């Protein structure tokens, strides 16, 4: 991993920690038993572009941030970000999928993973499947749209030109 990618990964990890801790009160949507913090997936989704190592650690940072502020159930749901982001990064690395397509393809894993992870905490199948699963899918779609917008703005500004991944495939990844 190049130093620049490491720095971007560290910045995304910081955002993954700060969003739930500092902005959770403002950006949180709570419909019991479901809760969502808008934009909380954005750092994890963007980390997929940096590779599996960065994606894994940004997902871990997201989990820690949610554990600090929301406790073990939400942290368990956030832990699903780790395999989702890592898989997405491997998909991007394969050079077969664009960023938007990758985000669409990992959506079912994300929603099903978060639905299944809450069952041991006493959630009914309805609450886990419909409330958490569907809620997570909708939240993923909103945050994916934000991540794609941020990525396209960064790409257009030239801020990502120094990354090997973007310099060779930037416009391809944005489609």
C-alpha atoms as a PDB file:
ATOM      1  CA  UNK A   1       0.000   0.000   0.000  1.00  0.00           C
ATOM      2  CA  UNK A   2       1.368   3.400  -0.957  1.00  0.00           C
ATOM      3  CA  UNK A   3       1.773   6.118   1.649  1.00  0.00           C
ATOM      4  CA  UNK A   4      -0.796   8.330  -0.048  1.00  0.00           C
ATOM      5  CA  UNK A   5      -3.394   5.533  -0.011  1.00  0.00           C
ATOM      6  CA  UNK A   6      -2.597   4.926   3.660  1.00  0.00           C
ATOM      7  CA  UNK A   7      -3.207   8.601   4.427  1.00  0.00           C
ATOM      8  CA  UNK A   8      -6.518   8.585   2.519  1.00  0.00           C
ATOM      9  CA  UNK A   9      -7.499   5.418   4.389  1.00  0.00           C
ATOM     10  CA  UNK A  10      -6.644   7.056   7.722  1.00  0.00           C
ATOM     11  CA  UNK A  11      -8.722  10.117   6.827  1.00  0.00           C
ATOM     12  CA  UNK A  12     -11.685   7.929   5.854  1.00  0.00           C
ATOM     13  CA  UNK A  13     -11.291   6.009   9.134  1.00  0.00           C
ATOM     14  CA  UNK A  14     -11.380   9.320  11.007  1.00  0.00           C
ATOM     15  CA  UNK A  15     -14.596  10.242   9.181  1.00  0.00           C
ATOM     16  CA  UNK A  16     -16.025   6.785   9.941  1.00  0.00           C
ATOM     17  CA  UNK A  17     -15.406   7.487  13.641  1.00  0.00           C
ATOM     18  CA  UNK A  18     -16.484  11.135  13.661  1.00  0.00           C
ATOM     19  CA  UNK A  19     -19.784  10.779  11.789  1.00  0.00           C
ATOM     20  CA  UNK A  20     -21.544   8.570  14.369  1.00  0.00           C
ATOM     21  CA  UNK A  21     -19.826  10.145  17.394  1.00  0.00           C
ATOM     22  CA  UNK A  22     -20.192  13.840  16.514  1.00  0.00           C
ATOM     23  CA  UNK A  23     -23.094  13.975  14.087  1.00  0.00           C
ATOM     24  CA  UNK A  24     -25.190  11.008  15.211  1.00  0.00           C
ATOM     25  CA  UNK A  25     -27.603  13.268  17.081  1.00  0.00           C
ATOM     26  CA  UNK A  26     -28.221  15.384  13.978  1.00  0.00           C
ATOM     27  CA  UNK A  27     -28.062  12.794  11.205  1.00  0.00           C
ATOM     28  CA  UNK A  28     -29.703   9.857  12.995  1.00  0.00           C
ATOM     29  CA  UNK A  29     -33.042   8.473  11.900  1.00  0.00           C
ATOM     30  CA  UNK A  30     -34.588   6.298  14.584  1.00  0.00           C
ATOM     31  CA  UNK A  31     -37.596   4.106  13.845  1.00  0.00           C
ATOM     32  CA  UNK A  32     -37.503   1.430  16.553  1.00  0.00           C
ATOM     33  CA  UNK A  33     -35.926  -1.033  16.376  1.00  0.00           C
ATOM     34  CA  UNK A  34     -34.084   0.447  13.386  1.00  0.00           C
ATOM     35  CA  UNK A  35     -31.681   3.353  13.439  1.00  0.00           C
ATOM     36  CA  UNK A  36     -29.585   4.870  10.689  1.00  0.00           C
ATOM     37  CA  UNK A  37     -27.041   7.673  10.716  1.00  0.00           C
ATOM     38  CA  UNK A  38     -27.071   9.367   7.322  1.00  0.00           C
ATOM     39  CA  UNK A  39     -23.685   9.496   5.561  1.00  0.00           C
ATOM     40  CA  UNK A  40     -22.177   6.933   7.957  1.00  0.00           C
ATOM     41  CA  UNK A  41     -21.569   4.457   5.114  1.00  0.00           C
ATOM     42  CA  UNK A  42     -19.880   7.022   2.876  1.00  0.00           C
ATOM     43  CA  UNK A  43     -16.309   6.632   4.253  1.00  0.00           C
ATOM     44  CA  UNK A  44     -16.597   2.834   4.138  1.00  0.00           C
ATOM     45  CA  UNK A  45     -17.933   2.883   0.577  1.00  0.00           C
ATOM     46  CA  UNK A  46     -15.211   5.278  -0.601  1.00  0.00           C
ATOM     47  CA  UNK A  47     -12.555   3.096   1.070  1.00  0.00           C
ATOM     48  CA  UNK A  48     -13.410   0.340  -1.411  1.00  0.00           C
ATOM     49  CA  UNK A  49     -11.604   2.443  -4.004  1.00  0.00           C
ATOM     50  CA  UNK A  50      -8.364   2.284  -2.013  1.00  0.00           C
ATOM     51  CA  UNK A  51      -8.224  -1.500  -1.822  1.00  0.00           C
ATOM     52  CA  UNK A  52      -9.147  -4.349   0.533  1.00  0.00           C
ATOM     53  CA  UNK A  53      -6.708  -3.399   3.309  1.00  0.00           C
ATOM     54  CA  UNK A  54      -8.026   0.162   3.594  1.00  0.00           C
ATOM     55  CA  UNK A  55     -11.642  -0.983   3.231  1.00  0.00           C
ATOM     56  CA  UNK A  56     -11.203  -3.478   6.070  1.00  0.00           C
ATOM     57  CA  UNK A  57      -9.756  -0.899   8.458  1.00  0.00           C
ATOM     58  CA  UNK A  58     -12.254   1.841   7.616  1.00  0.00           C
ATOM     59  CA  UNK A  59     -15.030  -0.704   8.268  1.00  0.00           C
ATOM     60  CA  UNK A  60     -13.377  -1.509  11.591  1.00  0.00           C
ATOM     61  CA  UNK A  61     -13.237   2.209  12.424  1.00  0.00           C
ATOM     62  CA  UNK A  62     -16.936   2.502  11.645  1.00  0.00           C
ATOM     63  CA  UNK A  63     -17.639  -0.393  14.012  1.00  0.00           C
ATOM     64  CA  UNK A  64     -15.646   1.232  16.829  1.00  0.00           C
ATOM     65  CA  UNK A  65     -17.399   4.582  16.297  1.00  0.00           C
ATOM     66  CA  UNK A  66     -20.836   3.008  16.537  1.00  0.00           C
ATOM     67  CA  UNK A  67     -19.836   0.905  19.544  1.00  0.00           C
ATOM     68  CA  UNK A  68     -18.720   4.042  21.423  1.00  0.00           C
ATOM     69  CA  UNK A  69     -21.918   5.961  20.763  1.00  0.00           C
ATOM     70  CA  UNK A  70     -24.656   3.325  20.269  1.00  0.00           C
ATOM     71  CA  UNK A  71     -23.593   0.097  21.986  1.00  0.00           C
ATOM     72  CA  UNK A  72     -23.202  -3.523  20.924  1.00  0.00           C
ATOM     73  CA  UNK A  73     -26.276  -4.056  18.710  1.00  0.00           C
ATOM     74  CA  UNK A  74     -25.530  -1.146  16.401  1.00  0.00           C
ATOM     75  CA  UNK A  75     -21.803  -1.970  16.551  1.00  0.00           C
ATOM     76  CA  UNK A  76     -22.612  -5.527  15.426  1.00  0.00           C
ATOM     77  CA  UNK A  77     -24.555  -4.088  12.506  1.00  0.00           C
ATOM     78  CA  UNK A  78     -21.648  -1.769  11.717  1.00  0.00           C
ATOM     79  CA  UNK A  79     -19.289  -4.763  11.816  1.00  0.00           C
ATOM     80  CA  UNK A  80     -21.067  -5.983   8.683  1.00  0.00           C
ATOM     81  CA  UNK A  81     -19.360  -3.032   6.939  1.00  0.00           C
ATOM     82  CA  UNK A  82     -16.044  -4.886   7.248  1.00  0.00           C
ATOM     83  CA  UNK A  83     -16.827  -7.847   4.937  1.00  0.00           C
ATOM     84  CA  UNK A  84     -19.036  -5.708   2.675  1.00  0.00           C
ATOM     85  CA  UNK A  85     -16.303  -3.111   2.120  1.00  0.00           C
ATOM     86  CA  UNK A  86     -13.581  -5.730   1.755  1.00  0.00           C
ATOM     87  CA  UNK A  87     -15.592  -7.668  -0.828  1.00  0.00           C
ATOM     88  CA  UNK A  88     -16.389  -4.440  -2.669  1.00  0.00           C
ATOM     89  CA  UNK A  89     -12.697  -3.539  -2.725  1.00  0.00           C
ATOM     90  CA  UNK A  90     -11.812  -6.933  -4.215  1.00  0.00           C
ATOM     91  CA  UNK A  91     -14.530  -6.419  -6.827  1.00  0.00           C
ATOM     92  CA  UNK A  92     -13.038  -3.024  -7.702  1.00  0.00           C
ATOM     93  CA  UNK A  93      -9.547  -4.510  -7.768  1.00  0.00           C
ATOM     94  CA  UNK A  94     -10.680  -7.141 -10.281  1.00  0.00           C
ATOM     95  CA  UNK A  95     -11.316  -4.261 -12.718  1.00  0.00           C
ATOM     96  CA  UNK A  96     -14.589  -5.862 -13.808  1.00  0.00           C
ATOM     97  CA  UNK A  97     -16.947  -3.528 -11.968  1.00  0.00           C
ATOM     98  CA  UNK A  98     -17.417   0.233 -11.852  1.00  0.00           C
ATOM     99  CA  UNK A  99     -17.828   1.966  -8.505  1.00  0.00           C
ATOM    100  CA  UNK A 100     -21.623   2.404  -8.861  1.00  0.00           C
ATOM    101  CA  UNK A 101     -22.026  -1.223 -10.001  1.00  0.00           C
ATOM    102  CA  UNK A 102     -19.963  -2.461  -7.058  1.00  0.00           C
ATOM    103  CA  UNK A 103     -22.110  -0.461  -4.642  1.00  0.00           C
ATOM    104  CA  UNK A 104     -25.243  -1.963  -6.173  1.00  0.00           C
ATOM    105  CA  UNK A 105     -23.887  -5.519  -6.048  1.00  0.00           C
ATOM    106  CA  UNK A 106     -22.840  -5.363  -2.377  1.00  0.00           C
ATOM    107  CA  UNK A 107     -26.204  -3.898  -1.325  1.00  0.00           C
ATOM    108  CA  UNK A 108     -27.909  -7.302  -0.756  1.00  0.00           C
ATOM    109  CA  UNK A 109     -24.974  -8.588   1.309  1.00  0.00           C
ATOM    110  CA  UNK A 110     -25.072  -5.413   3.390  1.00  0.00           C
ATOM    111  CA  UNK A 111     -28.835  -5.519   4.007  1.00  0.00           C
ATOM    112  CA  UNK A 112     -29.022  -9.278   4.671  1.00  0.00           C
ATOM    113  CA  UNK A 113     -25.907  -9.166   6.852  1.00  0.00           C
ATOM    114  CA  UNK A 114     -27.302  -6.411   9.064  1.00  0.00           C
ATOM    115  CA  UNK A 115     -30.666  -8.186   9.264  1.00  0.00           C
ATOM    116  CA  UNK A 116     -29.115 -11.497  10.310  1.00  0.00           C
ATOM    117  CA  UNK A 117     -26.651 -10.024  12.812  1.00  0.00           C
ATOM    118  CA  UNK A 118     -29.449  -8.599  15.010  1.00  0.00           C
ATOM    119  CA  UNK A 119     -31.347 -11.893  15.434  1.00  0.00           C
ATOM    120  CA  UNK A 120     -29.114 -13.102  18.330  1.00  0.00           C
ATOM    121  CA  UNK A 121     -29.942  -9.827  20.116  1.00  0.00           C
ATOM    122  CA  UNK A 122     -33.626 -10.831  20.331  1.00  0.00           C
ATOM    123  CA  UNK A 123     -35.032  -9.211  17.196  1.00  0.00           C
ATOM    124  CA  UNK A 124     -38.029 -10.964  15.664  1.00  0.00           C
ATOM    125  CA  UNK A 125     -37.726 -12.207  12.088  1.00  0.00           C
ATOM    126  CA  UNK A 126     -40.043  -9.399  11.002  1.00  0.00           C
ATOM    127  CA  UNK A 127     -38.014  -6.708  12.773  1.00  0.00           C
ATOM    128  CA  UNK A 128     -34.728  -8.170  11.537  1.00  0.00           C
ATOM    129  CA  UNK A 129     -35.795  -8.837   7.954  1.00  0.00           C
ATOM    130  CA  UNK A 130     -38.229  -6.087   7.150  1.00  0.00           C
ATOM    131  CA  UNK A 131     -37.336  -3.247   9.486  1.00  0.00           C
ATOM    132  CA  UNK A 132     -33.547  -3.662   9.666  1.00  0.00           C
ATOM    133  CA  UNK A 133     -32.986  -5.346   6.282  1.00  0.00           C
ATOM    134  CA  UNK A 134     -35.152  -3.005   4.208  1.00  0.00           C
ATOM    135  CA  UNK A 135     -34.068  -0.002   6.277  1.00  0.00           C
ATOM    136  CA  UNK A 136     -30.417  -0.861   5.682  1.00  0.00           C
ATOM    137  CA  UNK A 137     -31.033  -1.268   1.945  1.00  0.00           C
ATOM    138  CA  UNK A 138     -32.629   2.191   1.752  1.00  0.00           C
ATOM    139  CA  UNK A 139     -29.844   3.679   3.873  1.00  0.00           C
ATOM    140  CA  UNK A 140     -27.228   2.018   1.640  1.00  0.00           C
ATOM    141  CA  UNK A 141     -28.851   3.491  -1.489  1.00  0.00           C
ATOM    142  CA  UNK A 142     -28.843   7.020  -0.032  1.00  0.00           C
ATOM    143  CA  UNK A 143     -25.242   6.789   1.192  1.00  0.00           C
ATOM    144  CA  UNK A 144     -24.115   5.165  -2.081  1.00  0.00           C
ATOM    145  CA  UNK A 145     -25.542   8.133  -3.987  1.00  0.00           C
ATOM    146  CA  UNK A 146     -23.614  10.493  -1.688  1.00  0.00           C
ATOM    147  CA  UNK A 147     -20.406   8.420  -2.096  1.00  0.00           C
ATOM    148  CA  UNK A 148     -20.723   8.417  -5.888  1.00  0.00           C
ATOM    149  CA  UNK A 149     -21.264  12.192  -5.850  1.00  0.00           C
ATOM    150  CA  UNK A 150     -18.231  12.760  -3.617  1.00  0.00           C
ATOM    151  CA  UNK A 151     -16.116  10.427  -5.770  1.00  0.00           C
ATOM    152  CA  UNK A 152     -17.101  12.218  -8.983  1.00  0.00           C
ATOM    153  CA  UNK A 153     -16.369  15.631  -7.435  1.00  0.00           C
ATOM    154  CA  UNK A 154     -12.955  14.483  -6.193  1.00  0.00           C
ATOM    155  CA  UNK A 155     -12.216  12.929  -9.572  1.00  0.00           C
ATOM    156  CA  UNK A 156     -13.241  16.085 -11.431  1.00  0.00           C
ATOM    157  CA  UNK A 157     -11.166  18.287  -9.115  1.00  0.00           C
ATOM    158  CA  UNK A 158      -8.034  16.239  -9.794  1.00  0.00           C
ATOM    159  CA  UNK A 159      -7.619  15.438  -6.090  1.00  0.00           C
ATOM    160  CA  UNK A 160      -7.374  11.735  -6.888  1.00  0.00           C
ATOM    161  CA  UNK A 161      -4.903  11.922  -9.775  1.00  0.00           C
ATOM    162  CA  UNK A 162      -2.025  10.741  -7.602  1.00  0.00           C
ATOM    163  CA  UNK A 163      -3.678   7.392  -6.852  1.00  0.00           C
ATOM    164  CA  UNK A 164      -2.740   4.639  -9.285  1.00  0.00           C
ATOM    165  CA  UNK A 165      -6.283   3.287  -9.320  1.00  0.00           C
ATOM    166  CA  UNK A 166      -7.781   6.596 -10.328  1.00  0.00           C
ATOM    167  CA  UNK A 167      -5.145   7.782 -12.739  1.00  0.00           C
ATOM    168  CA  UNK A 168      -5.659   4.748 -14.963  1.00  0.00           C
ATOM    169  CA  UNK A 169      -9.349   4.074 -14.507  1.00  0.00           C
ATOM    170  CA  UNK A 170     -10.959   7.166 -12.952  1.00  0.00           C
ATOM    171  CA  UNK A 171     -13.519   7.912 -15.615  1.00  0.00           C
ATOM    172  CA  UNK A 172     -14.231   4.187 -16.008  1.00  0.00           C
ATOM    173  CA  UNK A 173     -14.933   3.794 -12.288  1.00  0.00           C
ATOM    174  CA  UNK A 174     -17.330   6.721 -12.223  1.00  0.00           C
ATOM    175  CA  UNK A 175     -19.772   5.252 -14.747  1.00  0.00           C
END
